[in-house]
Amino acid sequence: MSTKTHKRSPLFYVGDKYKLIPQIKELFPNNIHRFYEPFMGGGTVFLNVDAKEYYLNDIDSDLLKIHKYLLKHSDKPSAFFQKAERLIKKFNLSRSYKENVIPEDLKKIWRKTYYAKFNKDNYLKMRDYYNSSSKKDPLLLYILLIYGFNRMLRFNSKGEFNIPVGNIDFNVNTVNALKDYFETTKHKRVKLYNEDFKNFIEKQNFKKGDFVYLDPPYLITFSEYNKIWNEDREKELLDILNSLNKKGIKFALSNVTHYNGNKNCLFIKWLKDYNVYEVRSNYISYHNNSTKKKIKEVLVTNYEN
């Protein structure tokens, strides 16, 4: 199945499930009344799920602000693009989706990194402008994310956005992802939450026909987003899923059993009571000190589809 039939979040979030959607969606229930996602992230999964209602949560308040802003423009995308273009032009950033403003001599000198070279100084001015503003504009934050390194959301101890410039810009892929987001969400009944996953799950009144999909931080992998996770949090999550199972609520959990010689023994022991499907992961393997990084990702369900 081609990924071309699936939608990708315009946040291009780290750990994005876009390339895995064809695999995991086939394992989701056929009929979903209410869809719950305690770790929404960029939102690629909910964009590709058909349900009557969507309850979406993430602990990252800045991420939620961007989602709220995008959802607010789902029925008026032209207004969003006009405002975004004004900001991009104000800070004189490249905008390959519409026009080529990068000098040809710069492209020749910096053949592989000319976006970063062209945008760096003005990107830093935009970043300083955002950090010094008393009112944190979610559109400005979104544009910083798009032009930033690895399209990450990261802040220092002072609460300042501190991602350096990336070697990419506001391109055709970004515009197409935004258009898909607006077109899809204007027909969806979405409720957003900014809570700890445990509080979010425990306050819900689950009913037959509901479905919970979870993609938590992975205990044994290493990324900026896994720093808030530990074995205690992992155990809390697995205990909650056992409780959902006893109540007859369907769930699917993405996680990793093995990574670069590490094993998640807690998770491996727990999943023996459920259905386990191996997923061909989109994580990039690479060589470092002659050791190849290996990962085994799975989807665990408490039902058979």
C-alpha atoms as a PDB file:
ATOM      1  CA  MET A   1       0.000   0.000   0.000  1.00  0.00           C
ATOM      2  CA  SER A   2       1.416   3.387  -0.941  1.00  0.00           C
ATOM      3  CA  THR A   3       1.868   6.158   1.623  1.00  0.00           C
ATOM      4  CA  LYS A   4       0.609   8.558  -1.028  1.00  0.00           C
ATOM      5  CA  THR A   5      -2.968   7.754  -0.046  1.00  0.00           C
ATOM      6  CA  HIS A   6      -2.282   8.862   3.518  1.00  0.00           C
ATOM      7  CA  LYS A   7      -2.025  12.280   5.108  1.00  0.00           C
ATOM      8  CA  ARG A   8       1.000  13.623   6.933  1.00  0.00           C
ATOM      9  CA  SER A   9       0.961  16.133   9.733  1.00  0.00           C
ATOM     10  CA  PRO A  10       2.225  19.592   8.688  1.00  0.00           C
ATOM     11  CA  LEU A  11       4.342  19.630  11.846  1.00  0.00           C
ATOM     12  CA  PHE A  12       6.628  16.861  10.496  1.00  0.00           C
ATOM     13  CA  TYR A  13       7.072  15.821  14.111  1.00  0.00           C
ATOM     14  CA  VAL A  14       9.959  13.693  15.437  1.00  0.00           C
ATOM     15  CA  GLY A  15       8.703  10.099  15.647  1.00  0.00           C
ATOM     16  CA  ASP A  16       6.037  10.864  13.062  1.00  0.00           C
ATOM     17  CA  LYS A  17       4.099   7.719  12.069  1.00  0.00           C
ATOM     18  CA  TYR A  18       3.478   8.765   8.453  1.00  0.00           C
ATOM     19  CA  LYS A  19       5.505   5.967   6.848  1.00  0.00           C
ATOM     20  CA  LEU A  20       4.014   3.410   9.236  1.00  0.00           C
ATOM     21  CA  ILE A  21       0.383   4.404   8.765  1.00  0.00           C
ATOM     22  CA  PRO A  22      -0.249   1.796   6.016  1.00  0.00           C
ATOM     23  CA  GLN A  23       0.891  -0.940   8.417  1.00  0.00           C
ATOM     24  CA  ILE A  24      -0.717   0.112  11.674  1.00  0.00           C
ATOM     25  CA  LYS A  25      -4.010   1.395  10.274  1.00  0.00           C
ATOM     26  CA  GLU A  26      -4.761  -2.046   8.855  1.00  0.00           C
ATOM     27  CA  LEU A  27      -4.628  -3.361  12.429  1.00  0.00           C
ATOM     28  CA  PHE A  28      -7.056  -0.763  13.823  1.00  0.00           C
ATOM     29  CA  PRO A  29     -10.733  -1.657  14.424  1.00  0.00           C
ATOM     30  CA  ASN A  30     -12.971  -1.289  11.378  1.00  0.00           C
ATOM     31  CA  ASN A  31     -15.599   0.796  13.141  1.00  0.00           C
ATOM     32  CA  ILE A  32     -14.523   3.450  15.639  1.00  0.00           C
ATOM     33  CA  HIS A  33     -17.049   5.605  17.460  1.00  0.00           C
ATOM     34  CA  ARG A  34     -14.699   7.795  19.511  1.00  0.00           C
ATOM     35  CA  PHE A  35     -10.954   7.908  18.906  1.00  0.00           C
ATOM     36  CA  TYR A  36      -8.632   8.709  21.817  1.00  0.00           C
ATOM     37  CA  GLU A  37      -4.957   9.589  21.484  1.00  0.00           C
ATOM     38  CA  PRO A  38      -3.152  10.366  24.779  1.00  0.00           C
ATOM     39  CA  PHE A  39       0.149  11.124  22.981  1.00  0.00           C
ATOM     40  CA  MET A  40      -0.995  13.012  19.892  1.00  0.00           C
ATOM     41  CA  GLY A  41       2.323  14.521  18.835  1.00  0.00           C
ATOM     42  CA  GLY A  42       2.124  15.925  15.327  1.00  0.00           C
ATOM     43  CA  GLY A  43      -1.284  14.384  14.694  1.00  0.00           C
ATOM     44  CA  THR A  44      -0.546  12.167  11.685  1.00  0.00           C
ATOM     45  CA  VAL A  45      -2.420   9.198  13.158  1.00  0.00           C
ATOM     46  CA  PHE A  46      -5.702  10.952  13.928  1.00  0.00           C
ATOM     47  CA  LEU A  47      -5.641  12.552  10.467  1.00  0.00           C
ATOM     48  CA  ASN A  48      -5.790   9.058   8.984  1.00  0.00           C
ATOM     49  CA  VAL A  49      -8.444   7.556  11.261  1.00  0.00           C
ATOM     50  CA  ASP A  50     -12.168   7.579  10.539  1.00  0.00           C
ATOM     51  CA  ALA A  51     -14.207   8.150  13.694  1.00  0.00           C
ATOM     52  CA  LYS A  52     -17.219  10.159  14.822  1.00  0.00           C
ATOM     53  CA  GLU A  53     -15.333  12.067  17.531  1.00  0.00           C
ATOM     54  CA  TYR A  54     -11.663  12.670  18.368  1.00  0.00           C
ATOM     55  CA  TYR A  55     -10.216  13.223  21.838  1.00  0.00           C
ATOM     56  CA  LEU A  56      -6.581  14.251  21.455  1.00  0.00           C
ATOM     57  CA  ASN A  57      -4.053  14.956  24.177  1.00  0.00           C
ATOM     58  CA  ASP A  58      -0.432  15.958  24.523  1.00  0.00           C
ATOM     59  CA  ILE A  59       1.557  17.216  27.488  1.00  0.00           C
ATOM     60  CA  ASP A  60       3.407  19.741  25.313  1.00  0.00           C
ATOM     61  CA  SER A  61       1.430  22.995  25.647  1.00  0.00           C
ATOM     62  CA  ASP A  62       3.324  24.690  22.801  1.00  0.00           C
ATOM     63  CA  LEU A  63       2.483  21.834  20.471  1.00  0.00           C
ATOM     64  CA  LEU A  64      -1.178  22.131  21.464  1.00  0.00           C
ATOM     65  CA  LYS A  65      -1.155  25.866  20.720  1.00  0.00           C
ATOM     66  CA  ILE A  66      -0.051  25.150  17.169  1.00  0.00           C
ATOM     67  CA  HIS A  67      -2.733  22.493  16.709  1.00  0.00           C
ATOM     68  CA  LYS A  68      -5.404  24.841  18.064  1.00  0.00           C
ATOM     69  CA  TYR A  69      -4.270  27.565  15.704  1.00  0.00           C
ATOM     70  CA  LEU A  70      -4.350  25.247  12.706  1.00  0.00           C
ATOM     71  CA  LEU A  71      -7.768  23.852  13.656  1.00  0.00           C
ATOM     72  CA  LYS A  72      -9.096  27.400  13.960  1.00  0.00           C
ATOM     73  CA  HIS A  73      -8.179  27.934  10.316  1.00  0.00           C
ATOM     74  CA  SER A  74      -9.520  24.639   8.975  1.00  0.00           C
ATOM     75  CA  ASP A  75     -12.479  26.385   7.348  1.00  0.00           C
ATOM     76  CA  LYS A  76     -10.452  29.404   6.181  1.00  0.00           C
ATOM     77  CA  PRO A  77      -7.085  28.118   4.925  1.00  0.00           C
ATOM     78  CA  SER A  78      -6.537  31.081   2.601  1.00  0.00           C
ATOM     79  CA  ALA A  79      -6.406  33.401   5.631  1.00  0.00           C
ATOM     80  CA  PHE A  80      -3.764  31.160   7.208  1.00  0.00           C
ATOM     81  CA  PHE A  81      -1.569  31.159   4.100  1.00  0.00           C
ATOM     82  CA  GLN A  82      -1.860  34.939   3.730  1.00  0.00           C
ATOM     83  CA  LYS A  83      -0.746  35.516   7.311  1.00  0.00           C
ATOM     84  CA  ALA A  84       2.058  32.958   7.019  1.00  0.00           C
ATOM     85  CA  GLU A  85       3.338  34.542   3.817  1.00  0.00           C
ATOM     86  CA  ARG A  86       3.382  37.990   5.412  1.00  0.00           C
ATOM     87  CA  LEU A  87       5.577  36.717   8.233  1.00  0.00           C
ATOM     88  CA  ILE A  88       7.900  34.827   5.892  1.00  0.00           C
ATOM     89  CA  LYS A  89       8.368  37.926   3.749  1.00  0.00           C
ATOM     90  CA  LYS A  90       8.731  40.184   6.797  1.00  0.00           C
ATOM     91  CA  PHE A  91      11.791  38.213   7.869  1.00  0.00           C
ATOM     92  CA  ASN A  92      12.961  37.642   4.286  1.00  0.00           C
ATOM     93  CA  LEU A  93      13.116  33.849   4.495  1.00  0.00           C
ATOM     94  CA  SER A  94      13.246  31.597   1.450  1.00  0.00           C
ATOM     95  CA  ARG A  95       9.890  30.317   0.213  1.00  0.00           C
ATOM     96  CA  SER A  96      10.434  27.632  -2.390  1.00  0.00           C
ATOM     97  CA  TYR A  97       6.726  26.753  -2.468  1.00  0.00           C
ATOM     98  CA  LYS A  98       6.116  29.994  -4.343  1.00  0.00           C
ATOM     99  CA  GLU A  99       9.314  31.550  -5.645  1.00  0.00           C
ATOM    100  CA  ASN A 100      13.078  31.183  -5.756  1.00  0.00           C
ATOM    101  CA  VAL A 101      14.732  34.009  -3.820  1.00  0.00           C
ATOM    102  CA  ILE A 102      18.112  32.366  -3.160  1.00  0.00           C
ATOM    103  CA  PRO A 103      20.950  33.767  -5.317  1.00  0.00           C
ATOM    104  CA  GLU A 104      22.418  31.261  -7.776  1.00  0.00           C
ATOM    105  CA  ASP A 105      25.978  31.955  -6.655  1.00  0.00           C
ATOM    106  CA  LEU A 106      25.032  30.995  -3.087  1.00  0.00           C
ATOM    107  CA  LYS A 107      23.571  27.723  -4.393  1.00  0.00           C
ATOM    108  CA  LYS A 108      26.815  26.991  -6.255  1.00  0.00           C
ATOM    109  CA  ILE A 109      29.007  27.652  -3.223  1.00  0.00           C
ATOM    110  CA  TRP A 110      26.784  25.817  -0.729  1.00  0.00           C
ATOM    111  CA  ARG A 111      25.237  23.150  -2.939  1.00  0.00           C
ATOM    112  CA  LYS A 112      23.777  21.038  -0.136  1.00  0.00           C
ATOM    113  CA  THR A 113      23.204  23.631   2.590  1.00  0.00           C
ATOM    114  CA  TYR A 114      22.141  26.789   0.788  1.00  0.00           C
ATOM    115  CA  TYR A 115      18.766  26.995   2.582  1.00  0.00           C
ATOM    116  CA  ALA A 116      20.532  27.150   5.952  1.00  0.00           C
ATOM    117  CA  LYS A 117      23.120  29.655   4.701  1.00  0.00           C
ATOM    118  CA  PHE A 118      20.478  31.931   3.201  1.00  0.00           C
ATOM    119  CA  ASN A 119      18.015  31.799   6.101  1.00  0.00           C
ATOM    120  CA  LYS A 120      20.303  31.664   9.147  1.00  0.00           C
ATOM    121  CA  ASP A 121      20.614  35.352  10.075  1.00  0.00           C
ATOM    122  CA  ASN A 122      16.970  36.210   9.446  1.00  0.00           C
ATOM    123  CA  TYR A 123      15.811  33.017  11.146  1.00  0.00           C
ATOM    124  CA  LEU A 124      17.732  34.046  14.272  1.00  0.00           C
ATOM    125  CA  LYS A 125      16.118  37.493  14.098  1.00  0.00           C
ATOM    126  CA  MET A 126      12.701  35.852  13.899  1.00  0.00           C
ATOM    127  CA  ARG A 127      13.594  33.563  16.808  1.00  0.00           C
ATOM    128  CA  ASP A 128      14.721  36.543  18.911  1.00  0.00           C
ATOM    129  CA  TYR A 129      11.542  38.390  17.999  1.00  0.00           C
ATOM    130  CA  TYR A 130       9.426  35.442  19.152  1.00  0.00           C
ATOM    131  CA  ASN A 131      11.358  35.008  22.412  1.00  0.00           C
ATOM    132  CA  SER A 132      11.155  38.718  23.265  1.00  0.00           C
ATOM    133  CA  SER A 133       7.419  39.000  22.561  1.00  0.00           C
ATOM    134  CA  SER A 134       5.101  38.990  25.555  1.00  0.00           C
ATOM    135  CA  LYS A 135       2.392  37.404  23.422  1.00  0.00           C
ATOM    136  CA  LYS A 136       3.649  34.153  21.950  1.00  0.00           C
ATOM    137  CA  ASP A 137       2.195  33.955  18.441  1.00  0.00           C
ATOM    138  CA  PRO A 138       1.453  30.279  17.550  1.00  0.00           C
ATOM    139  CA  LEU A 139       1.810  31.035  13.832  1.00  0.00           C
ATOM    140  CA  LEU A 140       5.276  32.468  14.392  1.00  0.00           C
ATOM    141  CA  LEU A 141       6.178  29.406  16.458  1.00  0.00           C
ATOM    142  CA  TYR A 142       4.932  27.146  13.674  1.00  0.00           C
ATOM    143  CA  ILE A 143       7.075  28.944  11.097  1.00  0.00           C
ATOM    144  CA  LEU A 144      10.095  28.680  13.410  1.00  0.00           C
ATOM    145  CA  LEU A 145       9.429  24.948  13.607  1.00  0.00           C
ATOM    146  CA  ILE A 146       9.236  24.632   9.813  1.00  0.00           C
ATOM    147  CA  TYR A 147      12.537  26.460   9.256  1.00  0.00           C
ATOM    148  CA  GLY A 148      14.243  24.986  12.330  1.00  0.00           C
ATOM    149  CA  PHE A 149      16.688  22.101  12.578  1.00  0.00           C
ATOM    150  CA  ASN A 150      14.894  18.737  12.379  1.00  0.00           C
ATOM    151  CA  ARG A 151      11.630  20.667  12.803  1.00  0.00           C
ATOM    152  CA  MET A 152      11.744  20.313  16.561  1.00  0.00           C
ATOM    153  CA  LEU A 153      10.068  22.191  19.406  1.00  0.00           C
ATOM    154  CA  ARG A 154      12.647  22.814  22.100  1.00  0.00           C
ATOM    155  CA  PHE A 155      13.057  25.512  24.740  1.00  0.00           C
ATOM    156  CA  ASN A 156      15.829  26.369  27.192  1.00  0.00           C
ATOM    157  CA  SER A 157      15.476  26.769  30.960  1.00  0.00           C
ATOM    158  CA  LYS A 158      14.340  30.381  30.449  1.00  0.00           C
ATOM    159  CA  GLY A 159      11.498  29.228  28.206  1.00  0.00           C
ATOM    160  CA  GLU A 160      13.187  30.530  25.061  1.00  0.00           C
ATOM    161  CA  PHE A 161      12.865  28.672  21.782  1.00  0.00           C
ATOM    162  CA  ASN A 162      16.437  27.590  21.007  1.00  0.00           C
ATOM    163  CA  ILE A 163      16.428  25.407  17.891  1.00  0.00           C
ATOM    164  CA  PRO A 164      19.043  26.499  15.298  1.00  0.00           C
ATOM    165  CA  VAL A 165      18.158  27.019  11.647  1.00  0.00           C
ATOM    166  CA  GLY A 166      17.548  23.960   9.499  1.00  0.00           C
ATOM    167  CA  ASN A 167      18.484  23.276   5.900  1.00  0.00           C
ATOM    168  CA  ILE A 168      14.901  23.427   4.624  1.00  0.00           C
ATOM    169  CA  ASP A 169      12.187  25.994   4.077  1.00  0.00           C
ATOM    170  CA  PHE A 170       8.461  26.525   3.565  1.00  0.00           C
ATOM    171  CA  ASN A 171       8.183  24.212   0.579  1.00  0.00           C
ATOM    172  CA  VAL A 172       5.532  22.456  -1.520  1.00  0.00           C
ATOM    173  CA  ASN A 173       5.432  19.464   0.859  1.00  0.00           C
ATOM    174  CA  THR A 174       4.629  21.790   3.758  1.00  0.00           C
ATOM    175  CA  VAL A 175       1.853  23.523   1.830  1.00  0.00           C
ATOM    176  CA  ASN A 176       0.324  20.215   0.732  1.00  0.00           C
ATOM    177  CA  ALA A 177       0.431  18.844   4.279  1.00  0.00           C
ATOM    178  CA  LEU A 178      -1.276  21.994   5.575  1.00  0.00           C
ATOM    179  CA  LYS A 179      -3.974  21.771   2.910  1.00  0.00           C
ATOM    180  CA  ASP A 180      -4.623  18.132   3.833  1.00  0.00           C
ATOM    181  CA  TYR A 181      -4.789  19.062   7.525  1.00  0.00           C
ATOM    182  CA  PHE A 182      -7.312  21.849   6.911  1.00  0.00           C
ATOM    183  CA  GLU A 183      -9.441  19.801   4.515  1.00  0.00           C
ATOM    184  CA  THR A 184      -9.522  16.790   6.855  1.00  0.00           C
ATOM    185  CA  THR A 185     -10.075  18.527  10.179  1.00  0.00           C
ATOM    186  CA  LYS A 186     -12.890  20.800   9.027  1.00  0.00           C
ATOM    187  CA  HIS A 187     -15.060  17.678   8.897  1.00  0.00           C
ATOM    188  CA  LYS A 188     -13.875  16.199  12.210  1.00  0.00           C
ATOM    189  CA  ARG A 189     -15.249  16.767  15.708  1.00  0.00           C
ATOM    190  CA  VAL A 190     -12.016  17.341  17.612  1.00  0.00           C
ATOM    191  CA  LYS A 191     -11.407  18.064  21.296  1.00  0.00           C
ATOM    192  CA  LEU A 192      -7.900  18.926  22.443  1.00  0.00           C
ATOM    193  CA  TYR A 193      -6.416  18.350  25.894  1.00  0.00           C
ATOM    194  CA  ASN A 194      -3.130  19.446  27.455  1.00  0.00           C
ATOM    195  CA  GLU A 195      -2.634  17.001  30.318  1.00  0.00           C
ATOM    196  CA  ASP A 196      -0.481  14.209  31.606  1.00  0.00           C
ATOM    197  CA  PHE A 197      -1.516  11.005  29.808  1.00  0.00           C
ATOM    198  CA  LYS A 198      -2.640   9.359  33.052  1.00  0.00           C
ATOM    199  CA  ASN A 199      -4.981  12.208  34.007  1.00  0.00           C
ATOM    200  CA  PHE A 200      -6.325  12.341  30.469  1.00  0.00           C
ATOM    201  CA  ILE A 201      -7.151   8.628  30.341  1.00  0.00           C
ATOM    202  CA  GLU A 202      -8.576   8.372  33.843  1.00  0.00           C
ATOM    203  CA  LYS A 203     -11.082  11.208  33.361  1.00  0.00           C
ATOM    204  CA  GLN A 204     -12.616   9.702  30.204  1.00  0.00           C
ATOM    205  CA  ASN A 205     -15.934   7.883  30.233  1.00  0.00           C
ATOM    206  CA  PHE A 206     -15.097   5.126  27.778  1.00  0.00           C
ATOM    207  CA  LYS A 207     -17.876   3.212  26.076  1.00  0.00           C
ATOM    208  CA  LYS A 208     -18.249   0.315  23.687  1.00  0.00           C
ATOM    209  CA  GLY A 209     -17.014   1.299  20.236  1.00  0.00           C
ATOM    210  CA  ASP A 210     -14.296   3.605  21.569  1.00  0.00           C
ATOM    211  CA  PHE A 211     -10.683   3.044  20.574  1.00  0.00           C
ATOM    212  CA  VAL A 212      -7.463   4.255  22.210  1.00  0.00           C
ATOM    213  CA  TYR A 213      -4.205   4.506  20.259  1.00  0.00           C
ATOM    214  CA  LEU A 214      -1.011   5.205  22.171  1.00  0.00           C
ATOM    215  CA  ASP A 215       2.430   6.156  20.912  1.00  0.00           C
ATOM    216  CA  PRO A 216       4.324   7.091  24.107  1.00  0.00           C
ATOM    217  CA  PRO A 217       7.999   8.028  24.405  1.00  0.00           C
ATOM    218  CA  TYR A 218      10.073   4.871  23.930  1.00  0.00           C
ATOM    219  CA  LEU A 219      11.893   3.870  27.096  1.00  0.00           C
ATOM    220  CA  ILE A 220      15.044   2.454  25.474  1.00  0.00           C
ATOM    221  CA  THR A 221      15.567   4.883  22.584  1.00  0.00           C
ATOM    222  CA  PHE A 222      17.319   8.213  22.785  1.00  0.00           C
ATOM    223  CA  SER A 223      15.717  11.475  21.732  1.00  0.00           C
ATOM    224  CA  GLU A 224      14.797  14.871  23.107  1.00  0.00           C
ATOM    225  CA  TYR A 225      11.207  13.700  23.626  1.00  0.00           C
ATOM    226  CA  ASN A 226      12.140  10.675  25.738  1.00  0.00           C
ATOM    227  CA  LYS A 227      13.758  12.656  28.557  1.00  0.00           C
ATOM    228  CA  ILE A 228      10.458  12.890  30.448  1.00  0.00           C
ATOM    229  CA  TRP A 229       9.994   9.099  30.401  1.00  0.00           C
ATOM    230  CA  ASN A 230      11.265   6.426  32.786  1.00  0.00           C
ATOM    231  CA  GLU A 231      10.411   2.919  34.028  1.00  0.00           C
ATOM    232  CA  ASP A 232       7.887   4.224  36.564  1.00  0.00           C
ATOM    233  CA  ARG A 233       5.982   6.055  33.821  1.00  0.00           C
ATOM    234  CA  GLU A 234       6.174   2.979  31.585  1.00  0.00           C
ATOM    235  CA  LYS A 235       4.723   0.805  34.339  1.00  0.00           C
ATOM    236  CA  GLU A 236       1.937   3.333  34.980  1.00  0.00           C
ATOM    237  CA  LEU A 237       1.008   3.212  31.318  1.00  0.00           C
ATOM    238  CA  LEU A 238       0.994  -0.585  31.128  1.00  0.00           C
ATOM    239  CA  ASP A 239      -1.138  -0.829  34.292  1.00  0.00           C
ATOM    240  CA  ILE A 240      -3.649   1.616  32.809  1.00  0.00           C
ATOM    241  CA  LEU A 241      -3.839  -0.456  29.639  1.00  0.00           C
ATOM    242  CA  ASN A 242      -4.523  -3.571  31.713  1.00  0.00           C
ATOM    243  CA  SER A 243      -7.420  -1.690  33.329  1.00  0.00           C
ATOM    244  CA  LEU A 244      -8.789  -0.660  29.933  1.00  0.00           C
ATOM    245  CA  ASN A 245      -8.577  -4.249  28.804  1.00  0.00           C
ATOM    246  CA  LYS A 246     -10.608  -5.426  31.812  1.00  0.00           C
ATOM    247  CA  LYS A 247     -13.271  -2.871  30.888  1.00  0.00           C
ATOM    248  CA  GLY A 248     -13.447  -4.172  27.328  1.00  0.00           C
ATOM    249  CA  ILE A 249     -12.054  -0.992  25.767  1.00  0.00           C
ATOM    250  CA  LYS A 250     -10.012  -1.615  22.624  1.00  0.00           C
ATOM    251  CA  PHE A 251      -6.508  -0.183  22.449  1.00  0.00           C
ATOM    252  CA  ALA A 252      -3.405  -0.343  20.275  1.00  0.00           C
ATOM    253  CA  LEU A 253       0.050   0.564  21.547  1.00  0.00           C
ATOM    254  CA  SER A 254       3.158   1.378  19.519  1.00  0.00           C
ATOM    255  CA  ASN A 255       6.443   0.664  21.261  1.00  0.00           C
ATOM    256  CA  VAL A 256       9.930  -0.739  20.854  1.00  0.00           C
ATOM    257  CA  THR A 257      11.136  -4.048  22.319  1.00  0.00           C
ATOM    258  CA  HIS A 258      14.775  -3.832  21.189  1.00  0.00           C
ATOM    259  CA  TYR A 259      17.035  -0.923  20.291  1.00  0.00           C
ATOM    260  CA  ASN A 260      20.778  -0.967  19.669  1.00  0.00           C
ATOM    261  CA  GLY A 261      21.405  -3.930  21.967  1.00  0.00           C
ATOM    262  CA  ASN A 262      18.966  -2.729  24.648  1.00  0.00           C
ATOM    263  CA  LYS A 263      15.810  -4.620  25.608  1.00  0.00           C
ATOM    264  CA  ASN A 264      12.674  -3.248  27.237  1.00  0.00           C
ATOM    265  CA  CYS A 265      12.184  -6.187  29.581  1.00  0.00           C
ATOM    266  CA  LEU A 266       9.242  -4.590  31.396  1.00  0.00           C
ATOM    267  CA  PHE A 267       7.352  -4.128  28.149  1.00  0.00           C
ATOM    268  CA  ILE A 268       8.324  -7.545  26.751  1.00  0.00           C
ATOM    269  CA  LYS A 269       6.965  -9.291  29.844  1.00  0.00           C
ATOM    270  CA  TRP A 270       3.717  -7.302  29.714  1.00  0.00           C
ATOM    271  CA  LEU A 271       2.933  -7.854  26.034  1.00  0.00           C
ATOM    272  CA  LYS A 272       2.762 -11.658  26.397  1.00  0.00           C
ATOM    273  CA  ASP A 273      -0.914 -11.291  27.361  1.00  0.00           C
ATOM    274  CA  TYR A 274      -1.793  -9.432  24.145  1.00  0.00           C
ATOM    275  CA  ASN A 275      -1.600  -9.601  20.359  1.00  0.00           C
ATOM    276  CA  VAL A 276       1.756  -8.471  18.984  1.00  0.00           C
ATOM    277  CA  TYR A 277       2.465  -7.379  15.405  1.00  0.00           C
ATOM    278  CA  GLU A 278       5.960  -6.512  14.231  1.00  0.00           C
ATOM    279  CA  VAL A 279       6.178  -3.190  12.376  1.00  0.00           C
ATOM    280  CA  ARG A 280       8.796  -2.443   9.742  1.00  0.00           C
ATOM    281  CA  SER A 281      10.140   0.688  11.351  1.00  0.00           C
ATOM    282  CA  ASN A 282      11.063   3.889   9.534  1.00  0.00           C
ATOM    283  CA  TYR A 283      13.883   4.649  11.966  1.00  0.00           C
ATOM    284  CA  ILE A 284      17.126   5.111  10.062  1.00  0.00           C
ATOM    285  CA  SER A 285      19.843   2.583  10.826  1.00  0.00           C
ATOM    286  CA  TYR A 286      23.362   3.911  10.598  1.00  0.00           C
ATOM    287  CA  HIS A 287      26.912   2.904  11.382  1.00  0.00           C
ATOM    288  CA  ASN A 288      28.779   4.353  14.339  1.00  0.00           C
ATOM    289  CA  ASN A 289      32.027   2.800  15.540  1.00  0.00           C
ATOM    290  CA  SER A 290      31.279  -0.158  13.228  1.00  0.00           C
ATOM    291  CA  THR A 291      28.103  -0.981  15.165  1.00  0.00           C
ATOM    292  CA  LYS A 292      24.846  -1.064  13.262  1.00  0.00           C
ATOM    293  CA  LYS A 293      21.864   0.331  15.133  1.00  0.00           C
ATOM    294  CA  LYS A 294      18.947  -2.096  15.164  1.00  0.00           C
ATOM    295  CA  ILE A 295      15.395  -1.518  16.256  1.00  0.00           C
ATOM    296  CA  LYS A 296      12.362  -3.756  16.649  1.00  0.00           C
ATOM    297  CA  GLU A 297       9.087  -1.850  16.729  1.00  0.00           C
ATOM    298  CA  VAL A 298       5.750  -3.498  17.426  1.00  0.00           C
ATOM    299  CA  LEU A 299       2.060  -2.716  17.619  1.00  0.00           C
ATOM    300  CA  VAL A 300       0.263  -4.373  20.535  1.00  0.00           C
ATOM    301  CA  THR A 301      -3.526  -4.770  20.602  1.00  0.00           C
ATOM    302  CA  ASN A 302      -6.047  -6.273  23.025  1.00  0.00           C
ATOM    303  CA  TYR A 303      -8.362  -7.367  20.194  1.00  0.00           C
ATOM    304  CA  GLU A 304      -8.205  -9.307  16.947  1.00  0.00           C
ATOM    305  CA  ASN A 305      -9.297  -7.397  13.894  1.00  0.00           C
END
